Amino acid sequence: MSGLVHDHSRWGADDQIGAGNLLTVERRLAALGTVRTGRIYDLSHEIGANAPYLLPNQTPFLLSMWASWRDSIKRRRKAGAVNDAGSNVERAEMTMHVGTHIDALGHFSIGDRLYNGLSAAETVTDWGLERLGIEHVPPMISRGVLLDVAGLDGGAHLNPGRAIEPDDLARAADAAGVAIEPGDIVLIRTGWGRYFGVDNARYLEGEPGIDVPAARWLTRQDVVAIGCDNMAVEVMPNPDRSLILPVHQHVLAEAGVYLIENLALDEVARDRLAAFCFILLATKYKGATGCPVRPVALV
């Protein structure tokens, strides 16, 4: 890591969307133009109380019924309604980083500095981000590229602590017959996602993932986002035990590229899809550092 964040984005001092600027109309139309069958691949996991979460002793998702049909029918009868209209309304308490989710650019810093040289002390408040929040993430409709590295070591998946290097990604791209282009969303399959919600203890013990050189290899090619079938995209634990989540620092704070975590990629890998129309829409939770999403591959 350089330890520095660029003073200003190449898109200007007021930029809040980073590599989202690469999501042009032309790239959107090109991606949509590849759709032939209309089939949708859901790339997300279901979110529930059993969703794995990295921080111990934390409940990542809690749903409770706030008002049920019984009480609402009683209230409406008292108001003179005769059609027994019942409604159900819930309350949810959760972290925005549960299940399949996307990180906002304001999620990580290098010291006090966020993306585009913003001061974290001035940007991060008790009630959310003043800038770089998830509400600024543009709708993502672009080409998705799957790099399947799950079998690199001869098994069904890579193991925790296994760093995926630039050459691994380059060979996966060559094997799939694709070349990464500006504006792409690159999805990396390690095979580790098979344990999500199935064996959470194992899923959380660590993960295979990209190292900083691999992250730089991708960001230099002007990708918009990097996604993976693990909880942090990057290798954990890092082979250099003096570093904690350095890929997050480079990708989000330095490069302004988004991270998509806990993806479900087995189905697209099974059908040998190398490139497809990728669609992801982030909900505009004002000031949030990320949010759960339901990305899809449309072919």
C-alpha atoms as a PDB file:
ATOM      1  CA  MET A   1       0.000   0.000   0.000  1.00  0.00           C
ATOM      2  CA  SER A   2       1.198   3.480  -0.774  1.00  0.00           C
ATOM      3  CA  GLY A   3      -0.415   4.896   2.363  1.00  0.00           C
ATOM      4  CA  LEU A   4      -1.861   7.727   0.299  1.00  0.00           C
ATOM      5  CA  VAL A   5      -5.167   8.497  -1.342  1.00  0.00           C
ATOM      6  CA  HIS A   6      -5.132  10.546  -4.524  1.00  0.00           C
ATOM      7  CA  ASP A   7      -5.941  14.189  -3.736  1.00  0.00           C
ATOM      8  CA  HIS A   8      -8.570  14.325  -6.430  1.00  0.00           C
ATOM      9  CA  SER A   9     -10.400  11.858  -8.616  1.00  0.00           C
ATOM     10  CA  ARG A  10      -9.663  11.981 -12.333  1.00  0.00           C
ATOM     11  CA  TRP A  11     -13.347  12.894 -12.647  1.00  0.00           C
ATOM     12  CA  GLY A  12     -12.915  16.003 -10.542  1.00  0.00           C
ATOM     13  CA  ALA A  13     -12.783  17.194  -6.958  1.00  0.00           C
ATOM     14  CA  ASP A  14     -16.559  16.822  -6.520  1.00  0.00           C
ATOM     15  CA  ASP A  15     -16.746  13.241  -7.807  1.00  0.00           C
ATOM     16  CA  GLN A  16     -18.604  10.778  -5.562  1.00  0.00           C
ATOM     17  CA  ILE A  17     -19.116   7.790  -7.846  1.00  0.00           C
ATOM     18  CA  GLY A  18     -15.582   6.843  -8.863  1.00  0.00           C
ATOM     19  CA  ALA A  19     -15.489   4.081 -11.439  1.00  0.00           C
ATOM     20  CA  GLY A  20     -19.247   4.474 -11.765  1.00  0.00           C
ATOM     21  CA  ASN A  21     -18.367   7.177 -14.280  1.00  0.00           C
ATOM     22  CA  LEU A  22     -17.397   4.364 -16.652  1.00  0.00           C
ATOM     23  CA  LEU A  23     -21.007   3.141 -16.824  1.00  0.00           C
ATOM     24  CA  THR A  24     -21.770   4.937 -20.045  1.00  0.00           C
ATOM     25  CA  VAL A  25     -24.849   4.674 -22.226  1.00  0.00           C
ATOM     26  CA  GLU A  26     -22.762   2.887 -24.849  1.00  0.00           C
ATOM     27  CA  ARG A  27     -21.613   0.210 -22.411  1.00  0.00           C
ATOM     28  CA  ARG A  28     -25.134  -0.191 -21.090  1.00  0.00           C
ATOM     29  CA  LEU A  29     -26.552  -0.715 -24.562  1.00  0.00           C
ATOM     30  CA  ALA A  30     -23.734  -3.086 -25.500  1.00  0.00           C
ATOM     31  CA  ALA A  31     -24.443  -5.252 -22.459  1.00  0.00           C
ATOM     32  CA  LEU A  32     -28.186  -5.296 -23.082  1.00  0.00           C
ATOM     33  CA  GLY A  33     -27.505  -6.133 -26.712  1.00  0.00           C
ATOM     34  CA  THR A  34     -25.956  -9.460 -25.727  1.00  0.00           C
ATOM     35  CA  VAL A  35     -29.209 -10.756 -24.225  1.00  0.00           C
ATOM     36  CA  ARG A  36     -30.658 -13.560 -26.336  1.00  0.00           C
ATOM     37  CA  THR A  37     -32.798 -15.899 -24.207  1.00  0.00           C
ATOM     38  CA  GLY A  38     -34.022 -13.652 -21.397  1.00  0.00           C
ATOM     39  CA  ARG A  39     -32.852 -16.136 -18.770  1.00  0.00           C
ATOM     40  CA  ILE A  40     -31.938 -14.673 -15.395  1.00  0.00           C
ATOM     41  CA  TYR A  41     -29.288 -16.048 -13.038  1.00  0.00           C
ATOM     42  CA  ASP A  42     -29.765 -14.828  -9.474  1.00  0.00           C
ATOM     43  CA  LEU A  43     -26.311 -14.057  -8.063  1.00  0.00           C
ATOM     44  CA  SER A  44     -27.450 -13.389  -4.490  1.00  0.00           C
ATOM     45  CA  HIS A  45     -28.035 -15.351  -1.300  1.00  0.00           C
ATOM     46  CA  GLU A  46     -31.155 -15.191   0.843  1.00  0.00           C
ATOM     47  CA  ILE A  47     -30.714 -12.973   3.901  1.00  0.00           C
ATOM     48  CA  GLY A  48     -31.983 -14.285   7.228  1.00  0.00           C
ATOM     49  CA  ALA A  49     -31.080 -14.529  10.892  1.00  0.00           C
ATOM     50  CA  ASN A  50     -28.645 -17.360  10.076  1.00  0.00           C
ATOM     51  CA  ALA A  51     -26.620 -15.320   7.593  1.00  0.00           C
ATOM     52  CA  PRO A  52     -22.886 -15.564   8.353  1.00  0.00           C
ATOM     53  CA  TYR A  53     -21.312 -12.374   9.638  1.00  0.00           C
ATOM     54  CA  LEU A  54     -17.687 -11.635  10.369  1.00  0.00           C
ATOM     55  CA  LEU A  55     -18.049  -9.778  13.686  1.00  0.00           C
ATOM     56  CA  PRO A  56     -18.580 -12.170  16.632  1.00  0.00           C
ATOM     57  CA  ASN A  57     -21.614 -11.943  18.934  1.00  0.00           C
ATOM     58  CA  GLN A  58     -23.458  -9.714  16.489  1.00  0.00           C
ATOM     59  CA  THR A  59     -26.880 -10.389  14.999  1.00  0.00           C
ATOM     60  CA  PRO A  60     -26.595  -9.258  11.381  1.00  0.00           C
ATOM     61  CA  PHE A  61     -30.311  -9.446  10.623  1.00  0.00           C
ATOM     62  CA  LEU A  62     -33.393  -9.354  12.842  1.00  0.00           C
ATOM     63  CA  LEU A  63     -36.947  -9.206  11.545  1.00  0.00           C
ATOM     64  CA  SER A  64     -39.951  -8.729  13.805  1.00  0.00           C
ATOM     65  CA  MET A  65     -43.620  -8.249  13.001  1.00  0.00           C
ATOM     66  CA  TRP A  66     -44.635  -4.722  13.914  1.00  0.00           C
ATOM     67  CA  ALA A  67     -48.327  -5.019  13.035  1.00  0.00           C
ATOM     68  CA  SER A  68     -50.227  -8.141  12.041  1.00  0.00           C
ATOM     69  CA  TRP A  69     -53.455  -8.854  10.205  1.00  0.00           C
ATOM     70  CA  ARG A  70     -55.380  -9.630  13.418  1.00  0.00           C
ATOM     71  CA  ASP A  71     -54.854  -6.218  14.991  1.00  0.00           C
ATOM     72  CA  SER A  72     -55.378  -4.356  11.726  1.00  0.00           C
ATOM     73  CA  ILE A  73     -58.726  -6.087  11.098  1.00  0.00           C
ATOM     74  CA  LYS A  74     -59.892  -5.130  14.589  1.00  0.00           C
ATOM     75  CA  ARG A  75     -58.862  -1.503  14.083  1.00  0.00           C
ATOM     76  CA  ARG A  76     -60.574  -1.266  10.716  1.00  0.00           C
ATOM     77  CA  ARG A  77     -63.774  -2.851  11.994  1.00  0.00           C
ATOM     78  CA  LYS A  78     -63.872  -0.220  14.727  1.00  0.00           C
ATOM     79  CA  ALA A  79     -63.453   2.419  12.025  1.00  0.00           C
ATOM     80  CA  GLY A  80     -66.484   1.037  10.190  1.00  0.00           C
ATOM     81  CA  ALA A  81     -64.788  -1.072   7.493  1.00  0.00           C
ATOM     82  CA  VAL A  82     -66.653  -4.261   6.601  1.00  0.00           C
ATOM     83  CA  ASN A  83     -64.192  -6.043   4.282  1.00  0.00           C
ATOM     84  CA  ASP A  84     -61.884  -7.524   6.968  1.00  0.00           C
ATOM     85  CA  ALA A  85     -58.767  -5.938   5.444  1.00  0.00           C
ATOM     86  CA  GLY A  86     -55.742  -7.265   7.271  1.00  0.00           C
ATOM     87  CA  SER A  87     -52.182  -6.052   6.776  1.00  0.00           C
ATOM     88  CA  ASN A  88     -48.758  -7.173   7.959  1.00  0.00           C
ATOM     89  CA  VAL A  89     -45.890  -4.761   8.560  1.00  0.00           C
ATOM     90  CA  GLU A  90     -42.465  -5.596   9.922  1.00  0.00           C
ATOM     91  CA  ARG A  91     -39.443  -3.859  11.393  1.00  0.00           C
ATOM     92  CA  ALA A  92     -35.927  -4.911  10.408  1.00  0.00           C
ATOM     93  CA  GLU A  93     -32.670  -4.327  12.252  1.00  0.00           C
ATOM     94  CA  MET A  94     -29.553  -5.175  10.323  1.00  0.00           C
ATOM     95  CA  THR A  95     -26.091  -4.209   9.209  1.00  0.00           C
ATOM     96  CA  MET A  96     -25.855  -3.067   5.610  1.00  0.00           C
ATOM     97  CA  HIS A  97     -23.005  -5.541   5.147  1.00  0.00           C
ATOM     98  CA  VAL A  98     -25.020  -8.732   5.613  1.00  0.00           C
ATOM     99  CA  GLY A  99     -25.565 -11.272   2.853  1.00  0.00           C
ATOM    100  CA  THR A 100     -24.906 -10.328  -0.754  1.00  0.00           C
ATOM    101  CA  HIS A 101     -24.084  -6.626  -0.619  1.00  0.00           C
ATOM    102  CA  ILE A 102     -22.119  -3.822  -2.218  1.00  0.00           C
ATOM    103  CA  ASP A 103     -19.671  -1.505  -0.458  1.00  0.00           C
ATOM    104  CA  ALA A 104     -20.028   2.237  -0.893  1.00  0.00           C
ATOM    105  CA  LEU A 105     -16.841   4.175  -1.596  1.00  0.00           C
ATOM    106  CA  GLY A 106     -17.029   5.698   1.881  1.00  0.00           C
ATOM    107  CA  HIS A 107     -16.812   2.289   3.554  1.00  0.00           C
ATOM    108  CA  PHE A 108     -13.012   2.276   3.938  1.00  0.00           C
ATOM    109  CA  SER A 109     -10.244   4.774   4.504  1.00  0.00           C
ATOM    110  CA  ILE A 110      -6.469   4.950   4.541  1.00  0.00           C
ATOM    111  CA  GLY A 111      -5.922   6.694   7.830  1.00  0.00           C
ATOM    112  CA  ASP A 112      -8.115   9.789   7.740  1.00  0.00           C
ATOM    113  CA  ARG A 113      -8.475   9.767   3.956  1.00  0.00           C
ATOM    114  CA  LEU A 114     -11.417   8.442   1.993  1.00  0.00           C
ATOM    115  CA  TYR A 115     -11.836   8.257  -1.773  1.00  0.00           C
ATOM    116  CA  ASN A 116     -11.115  11.517  -3.609  1.00  0.00           C
ATOM    117  CA  GLY A 117      -9.000  12.811  -0.732  1.00  0.00           C
ATOM    118  CA  LEU A 118     -11.956  13.436   1.564  1.00  0.00           C
ATOM    119  CA  SER A 119     -11.283  13.614   5.280  1.00  0.00           C
ATOM    120  CA  ALA A 120     -12.958  10.786   7.187  1.00  0.00           C
ATOM    121  CA  ALA A 121     -13.137  13.015  10.269  1.00  0.00           C
ATOM    122  CA  GLU A 122     -15.214  15.503   8.309  1.00  0.00           C
ATOM    123  CA  THR A 123     -17.256  12.975   6.320  1.00  0.00           C
ATOM    124  CA  VAL A 124     -18.192  10.212   8.743  1.00  0.00           C
ATOM    125  CA  THR A 125     -20.871  11.269  11.256  1.00  0.00           C
ATOM    126  CA  ASP A 126     -22.880   9.447  13.911  1.00  0.00           C
ATOM    127  CA  TRP A 127     -25.765   9.376  11.449  1.00  0.00           C
ATOM    128  CA  GLY A 128     -23.958   8.215   8.341  1.00  0.00           C
ATOM    129  CA  LEU A 129     -21.688   9.521   5.602  1.00  0.00           C
ATOM    130  CA  GLU A 130     -21.978  13.147   4.541  1.00  0.00           C
ATOM    131  CA  ARG A 131     -20.486  12.140   1.173  1.00  0.00           C
ATOM    132  CA  LEU A 132     -19.670   8.883  -0.648  1.00  0.00           C
ATOM    133  CA  GLY A 133     -22.766   7.133   0.728  1.00  0.00           C
ATOM    134  CA  ILE A 134     -24.516   4.280  -1.007  1.00  0.00           C
ATOM    135  CA  GLU A 135     -27.150   6.640  -2.403  1.00  0.00           C
ATOM    136  CA  HIS A 136     -24.553   7.841  -4.921  1.00  0.00           C
ATOM    137  CA  VAL A 137     -23.877   4.423  -6.465  1.00  0.00           C
ATOM    138  CA  PRO A 138     -25.283   4.559  -9.993  1.00  0.00           C
ATOM    139  CA  PRO A 139     -27.426   1.737 -11.383  1.00  0.00           C
ATOM    140  CA  MET A 140     -25.045  -0.870 -12.745  1.00  0.00           C
ATOM    141  CA  ILE A 141     -25.965  -2.287 -16.148  1.00  0.00           C
ATOM    142  CA  SER A 142     -22.819  -3.409 -17.878  1.00  0.00           C
ATOM    143  CA  ARG A 143     -20.918  -6.469 -18.982  1.00  0.00           C
ATOM    144  CA  GLY A 144     -20.226  -8.964 -16.245  1.00  0.00           C
ATOM    145  CA  VAL A 145     -17.183 -11.221 -16.593  1.00  0.00           C
ATOM    146  CA  LEU A 146     -16.785 -14.433 -14.592  1.00  0.00           C
ATOM    147  CA  LEU A 147     -13.259 -15.509 -13.700  1.00  0.00           C
ATOM    148  CA  ASP A 148     -13.526 -19.024 -12.283  1.00  0.00           C
ATOM    149  CA  VAL A 149     -10.435 -19.888 -10.254  1.00  0.00           C
ATOM    150  CA  ALA A 150     -12.075 -22.446  -7.960  1.00  0.00           C
ATOM    151  CA  GLY A 151     -10.156 -25.401  -9.404  1.00  0.00           C
ATOM    152  CA  LEU A 152      -6.696 -23.850  -9.538  1.00  0.00           C
ATOM    153  CA  ASP A 153      -5.363 -26.047  -6.748  1.00  0.00           C
ATOM    154  CA  GLY A 154      -6.998 -29.235  -7.957  1.00  0.00           C
ATOM    155  CA  GLY A 155     -10.028 -29.249  -5.659  1.00  0.00           C
ATOM    156  CA  ALA A 156     -13.608 -28.004  -5.732  1.00  0.00           C
ATOM    157  CA  HIS A 157     -12.579 -24.734  -4.095  1.00  0.00           C
ATOM    158  CA  LEU A 158      -9.594 -22.739  -2.966  1.00  0.00           C
ATOM    159  CA  ASN A 159      -8.794 -22.695   0.734  1.00  0.00           C
ATOM    160  CA  PRO A 160      -8.617 -19.862   3.289  1.00  0.00           C
ATOM    161  CA  GLY A 161      -5.416 -17.874   3.086  1.00  0.00           C
ATOM    162  CA  ARG A 162      -4.925 -18.748  -0.584  1.00  0.00           C
ATOM    163  CA  ALA A 163      -4.012 -15.511  -2.338  1.00  0.00           C
ATOM    164  CA  ILE A 164      -5.287 -15.142  -5.898  1.00  0.00           C
ATOM    165  CA  GLU A 165      -2.579 -13.371  -7.868  1.00  0.00           C
ATOM    166  CA  PRO A 166      -2.648 -11.422 -11.155  1.00  0.00           C
ATOM    167  CA  ASP A 167      -1.389 -14.407 -13.136  1.00  0.00           C
ATOM    168  CA  ASP A 168      -4.211 -16.559 -11.736  1.00  0.00           C
ATOM    169  CA  LEU A 169      -6.779 -14.042 -12.988  1.00  0.00           C
ATOM    170  CA  ALA A 170      -5.077 -13.659 -16.360  1.00  0.00           C
ATOM    171  CA  ARG A 171      -5.034 -17.425 -16.893  1.00  0.00           C
ATOM    172  CA  ALA A 172      -8.699 -17.687 -15.890  1.00  0.00           C
ATOM    173  CA  ALA A 173      -9.587 -14.985 -18.405  1.00  0.00           C
ATOM    174  CA  ASP A 174      -7.606 -16.740 -21.126  1.00  0.00           C
ATOM    175  CA  ALA A 175      -9.272 -20.059 -20.308  1.00  0.00           C
ATOM    176  CA  ALA A 176     -12.696 -18.425 -20.550  1.00  0.00           C
ATOM    177  CA  GLY A 177     -11.794 -16.658 -23.792  1.00  0.00           C
ATOM    178  CA  VAL A 178     -12.530 -13.176 -22.461  1.00  0.00           C
ATOM    179  CA  ALA A 179     -10.510  -9.987 -22.214  1.00  0.00           C
ATOM    180  CA  ILE A 180     -11.349  -7.544 -19.455  1.00  0.00           C
ATOM    181  CA  GLU A 181     -12.566  -4.212 -20.814  1.00  0.00           C
ATOM    182  CA  PRO A 182     -13.176  -0.783 -19.261  1.00  0.00           C
ATOM    183  CA  GLY A 183     -16.573  -0.655 -17.600  1.00  0.00           C
ATOM    184  CA  ASP A 184     -16.703  -4.382 -16.820  1.00  0.00           C
ATOM    185  CA  ILE A 185     -17.879  -5.835 -13.536  1.00  0.00           C
ATOM    186  CA  VAL A 186     -15.509  -8.703 -12.735  1.00  0.00           C
ATOM    187  CA  LEU A 187     -16.824 -11.585 -10.640  1.00  0.00           C
ATOM    188  CA  ILE A 188     -14.350 -14.060  -9.174  1.00  0.00           C
ATOM    189  CA  ARG A 189     -15.445 -17.562  -8.194  1.00  0.00           C
ATOM    190  CA  THR A 190     -13.274 -19.304  -5.609  1.00  0.00           C
ATOM    191  CA  GLY A 191     -15.785 -22.032  -4.766  1.00  0.00           C
ATOM    192  CA  TRP A 192     -15.849 -20.877  -1.140  1.00  0.00           C
ATOM    193  CA  GLY A 193     -19.442 -19.653  -1.467  1.00  0.00           C
ATOM    194  CA  ARG A 194     -20.686 -23.242  -1.131  1.00  0.00           C
ATOM    195  CA  TYR A 195     -20.407 -22.823   2.650  1.00  0.00           C
ATOM    196  CA  PHE A 196     -22.533 -19.647   2.915  1.00  0.00           C
ATOM    197  CA  GLY A 197     -25.493 -20.421   5.194  1.00  0.00           C
ATOM    198  CA  VAL A 198     -24.571 -24.114   5.080  1.00  0.00           C
ATOM    199  CA  ASP A 199     -21.501 -24.212   7.314  1.00  0.00           C
ATOM    200  CA  ASN A 200     -21.124 -20.679   8.641  1.00  0.00           C
ATOM    201  CA  ALA A 201     -18.333 -21.534  11.041  1.00  0.00           C
ATOM    202  CA  ARG A 202     -16.242 -22.803   8.161  1.00  0.00           C
ATOM    203  CA  TYR A 203     -17.245 -19.926   5.895  1.00  0.00           C
ATOM    204  CA  LEU A 204     -16.012 -17.434   8.496  1.00  0.00           C
ATOM    205  CA  GLU A 205     -12.741 -19.144   9.383  1.00  0.00           C
ATOM    206  CA  GLY A 206     -11.013 -17.283   6.557  1.00  0.00           C
ATOM    207  CA  GLU A 207     -11.240 -17.235   2.790  1.00  0.00           C
ATOM    208  CA  PRO A 208      -9.378 -17.428  -0.489  1.00  0.00           C
ATOM    209  CA  GLY A 209      -9.352 -14.109  -2.281  1.00  0.00           C
ATOM    210  CA  ILE A 210      -7.385 -11.605  -4.303  1.00  0.00           C
ATOM    211  CA  ASP A 211      -4.242  -9.954  -3.024  1.00  0.00           C
ATOM    212  CA  VAL A 212      -3.300  -6.310  -3.567  1.00  0.00           C
ATOM    213  CA  PRO A 213      -1.348  -6.951  -6.799  1.00  0.00           C
ATOM    214  CA  ALA A 214      -4.402  -8.728  -8.243  1.00  0.00           C
ATOM    215  CA  ALA A 215      -6.629  -5.880  -7.126  1.00  0.00           C
ATOM    216  CA  ARG A 216      -4.312  -3.382  -8.812  1.00  0.00           C
ATOM    217  CA  TRP A 217      -4.254  -5.544 -11.951  1.00  0.00           C
ATOM    218  CA  LEU A 218      -8.039  -5.242 -12.109  1.00  0.00           C
ATOM    219  CA  THR A 219      -8.363  -1.557 -11.238  1.00  0.00           C
ATOM    220  CA  ARG A 220      -5.730  -0.633 -13.833  1.00  0.00           C
ATOM    221  CA  GLN A 221      -8.062  -2.107 -16.433  1.00  0.00           C
ATOM    222  CA  ASP A 222     -10.841   0.291 -15.439  1.00  0.00           C
ATOM    223  CA  VAL A 223     -13.305  -2.204 -14.010  1.00  0.00           C
ATOM    224  CA  VAL A 224     -16.311  -0.695 -12.263  1.00  0.00           C
ATOM    225  CA  ALA A 225     -16.645  -3.315  -9.545  1.00  0.00           C
ATOM    226  CA  ILE A 226     -15.018  -6.500  -8.276  1.00  0.00           C
ATOM    227  CA  GLY A 227     -17.210  -9.215  -6.775  1.00  0.00           C
ATOM    228  CA  CYS A 228     -16.492 -12.572  -5.200  1.00  0.00           C
ATOM    229  CA  ASP A 229     -18.205 -15.573  -3.599  1.00  0.00           C
ATOM    230  CA  ASN A 230     -16.729 -14.812  -0.198  1.00  0.00           C
ATOM    231  CA  MET A 231     -17.270 -12.275   2.574  1.00  0.00           C
ATOM    232  CA  ALA A 232     -14.572  -9.724   1.750  1.00  0.00           C
ATOM    233  CA  VAL A 233     -13.334 -10.349  -1.830  1.00  0.00           C
ATOM    234  CA  GLU A 234      -9.756 -10.343  -0.538  1.00  0.00           C
ATOM    235  CA  VAL A 235      -7.668 -13.154   0.924  1.00  0.00           C
ATOM    236  CA  MET A 236      -8.063 -13.728   4.666  1.00  0.00           C
ATOM    237  CA  PRO A 237      -5.941 -13.971   6.617  1.00  0.00           C
ATOM    238  CA  ASN A 238      -3.588 -11.885   4.547  1.00  0.00           C
ATOM    239  CA  PRO A 239      -0.266 -13.676   3.980  1.00  0.00           C
ATOM    240  CA  ASP A 240       1.368 -10.535   5.369  1.00  0.00           C
ATOM    241  CA  ARG A 241       0.001 -10.635   8.913  1.00  0.00           C
ATOM    242  CA  SER A 242       0.884  -6.953   9.388  1.00  0.00           C
ATOM    243  CA  LEU A 243      -1.895  -6.002   6.931  1.00  0.00           C
ATOM    244  CA  ILE A 244      -5.641  -5.957   7.543  1.00  0.00           C
ATOM    245  CA  LEU A 245      -7.962  -5.620   4.528  1.00  0.00           C
ATOM    246  CA  PRO A 246      -5.478  -3.778   2.276  1.00  0.00           C
ATOM    247  CA  VAL A 247      -7.498  -4.671  -0.833  1.00  0.00           C
ATOM    248  CA  HIS A 248     -10.439  -2.709   0.567  1.00  0.00           C
ATOM    249  CA  GLN A 249      -8.147   0.262   1.060  1.00  0.00           C
ATOM    250  CA  HIS A 250      -6.832   0.175  -2.490  1.00  0.00           C
ATOM    251  CA  VAL A 251     -10.056  -0.662  -4.314  1.00  0.00           C
ATOM    252  CA  LEU A 252     -12.428   1.661  -2.453  1.00  0.00           C
ATOM    253  CA  ALA A 253     -10.281   4.507  -1.130  1.00  0.00           C
ATOM    254  CA  GLU A 254      -7.610   4.720  -3.830  1.00  0.00           C
ATOM    255  CA  ALA A 255      -9.239   3.462  -7.019  1.00  0.00           C
ATOM    256  CA  GLY A 256     -12.905   4.324  -6.422  1.00  0.00           C
ATOM    257  CA  VAL A 257     -13.950   0.838  -7.541  1.00  0.00           C
ATOM    258  CA  TYR A 258     -16.814  -0.974  -5.842  1.00  0.00           C
ATOM    259  CA  LEU A 259     -16.695  -4.302  -4.001  1.00  0.00           C
ATOM    260  CA  ILE A 260     -19.554  -6.823  -4.132  1.00  0.00           C
ATOM    261  CA  GLU A 261     -19.399  -9.544  -1.495  1.00  0.00           C
ATOM    262  CA  ASN A 262     -21.049 -12.896  -0.722  1.00  0.00           C
ATOM    263  CA  LEU A 263     -22.073 -13.576  -4.312  1.00  0.00           C
ATOM    264  CA  ALA A 264     -23.680 -16.837  -5.454  1.00  0.00           C
ATOM    265  CA  LEU A 265     -21.690 -17.850  -8.524  1.00  0.00           C
ATOM    266  CA  ASP A 266     -21.991 -21.628  -8.734  1.00  0.00           C
ATOM    267  CA  GLU A 267     -24.885 -21.636 -11.208  1.00  0.00           C
ATOM    268  CA  VAL A 268     -23.276 -19.306 -13.743  1.00  0.00           C
ATOM    269  CA  ALA A 269     -20.046 -21.300 -13.423  1.00  0.00           C
ATOM    270  CA  ARG A 270     -21.887 -24.576 -13.941  1.00  0.00           C
ATOM    271  CA  ASP A 271     -23.347 -23.229 -17.186  1.00  0.00           C
ATOM    272  CA  ARG A 272     -19.916 -21.941 -18.236  1.00  0.00           C
ATOM    273  CA  LEU A 273     -20.977 -18.351 -18.666  1.00  0.00           C
ATOM    274  CA  ALA A 274     -17.896 -16.203 -19.202  1.00  0.00           C
ATOM    275  CA  ALA A 275     -19.592 -12.892 -20.064  1.00  0.00           C
ATOM    276  CA  PHE A 276     -23.150 -11.647 -19.661  1.00  0.00           C
ATOM    277  CA  CYS A 277     -25.324  -8.631 -19.034  1.00  0.00           C
ATOM    278  CA  PHE A 278     -24.899  -7.780 -15.351  1.00  0.00           C
ATOM    279  CA  ILE A 279     -27.503  -5.737 -13.496  1.00  0.00           C
ATOM    280  CA  LEU A 280     -27.264  -4.399  -9.939  1.00  0.00           C
ATOM    281  CA  LEU A 281     -29.316  -1.617  -8.362  1.00  0.00           C
ATOM    282  CA  ALA A 282     -28.322  -0.333  -4.929  1.00  0.00           C
ATOM    283  CA  THR A 283     -31.084   1.010  -2.686  1.00  0.00           C
ATOM    284  CA  LYS A 284     -30.588   4.673  -1.772  1.00  0.00           C
ATOM    285  CA  TYR A 285     -30.076   4.437   1.991  1.00  0.00           C
ATOM    286  CA  LYS A 286     -28.824   7.951   2.592  1.00  0.00           C
ATOM    287  CA  GLY A 287     -25.382   8.019   4.155  1.00  0.00           C
ATOM    288  CA  ALA A 288     -25.015   4.229   4.348  1.00  0.00           C
ATOM    289  CA  THR A 289     -21.645   2.555   3.813  1.00  0.00           C
ATOM    290  CA  GLY A 290     -23.193  -0.257   1.772  1.00  0.00           C
ATOM    291  CA  CYS A 291     -26.426  -2.167   1.271  1.00  0.00           C
ATOM    292  CA  PRO A 292     -27.745  -5.644   0.478  1.00  0.00           C
ATOM    293  CA  VAL A 293     -28.340  -6.133  -3.238  1.00  0.00           C
ATOM    294  CA  ARG A 294     -29.776  -8.697  -5.641  1.00  0.00           C
ATOM    295  CA  PRO A 295     -27.509  -8.699  -8.685  1.00  0.00           C
ATOM    296  CA  VAL A 296     -28.450 -10.790 -11.698  1.00  0.00           C
ATOM    297  CA  ALA A 297     -26.866 -12.096 -14.864  1.00  0.00           C
ATOM    298  CA  LEU A 298     -29.175 -11.750 -17.869  1.00  0.00           C
ATOM    299  CA  VAL A 299     -28.379 -13.836 -20.942  1.00  0.00           C
END
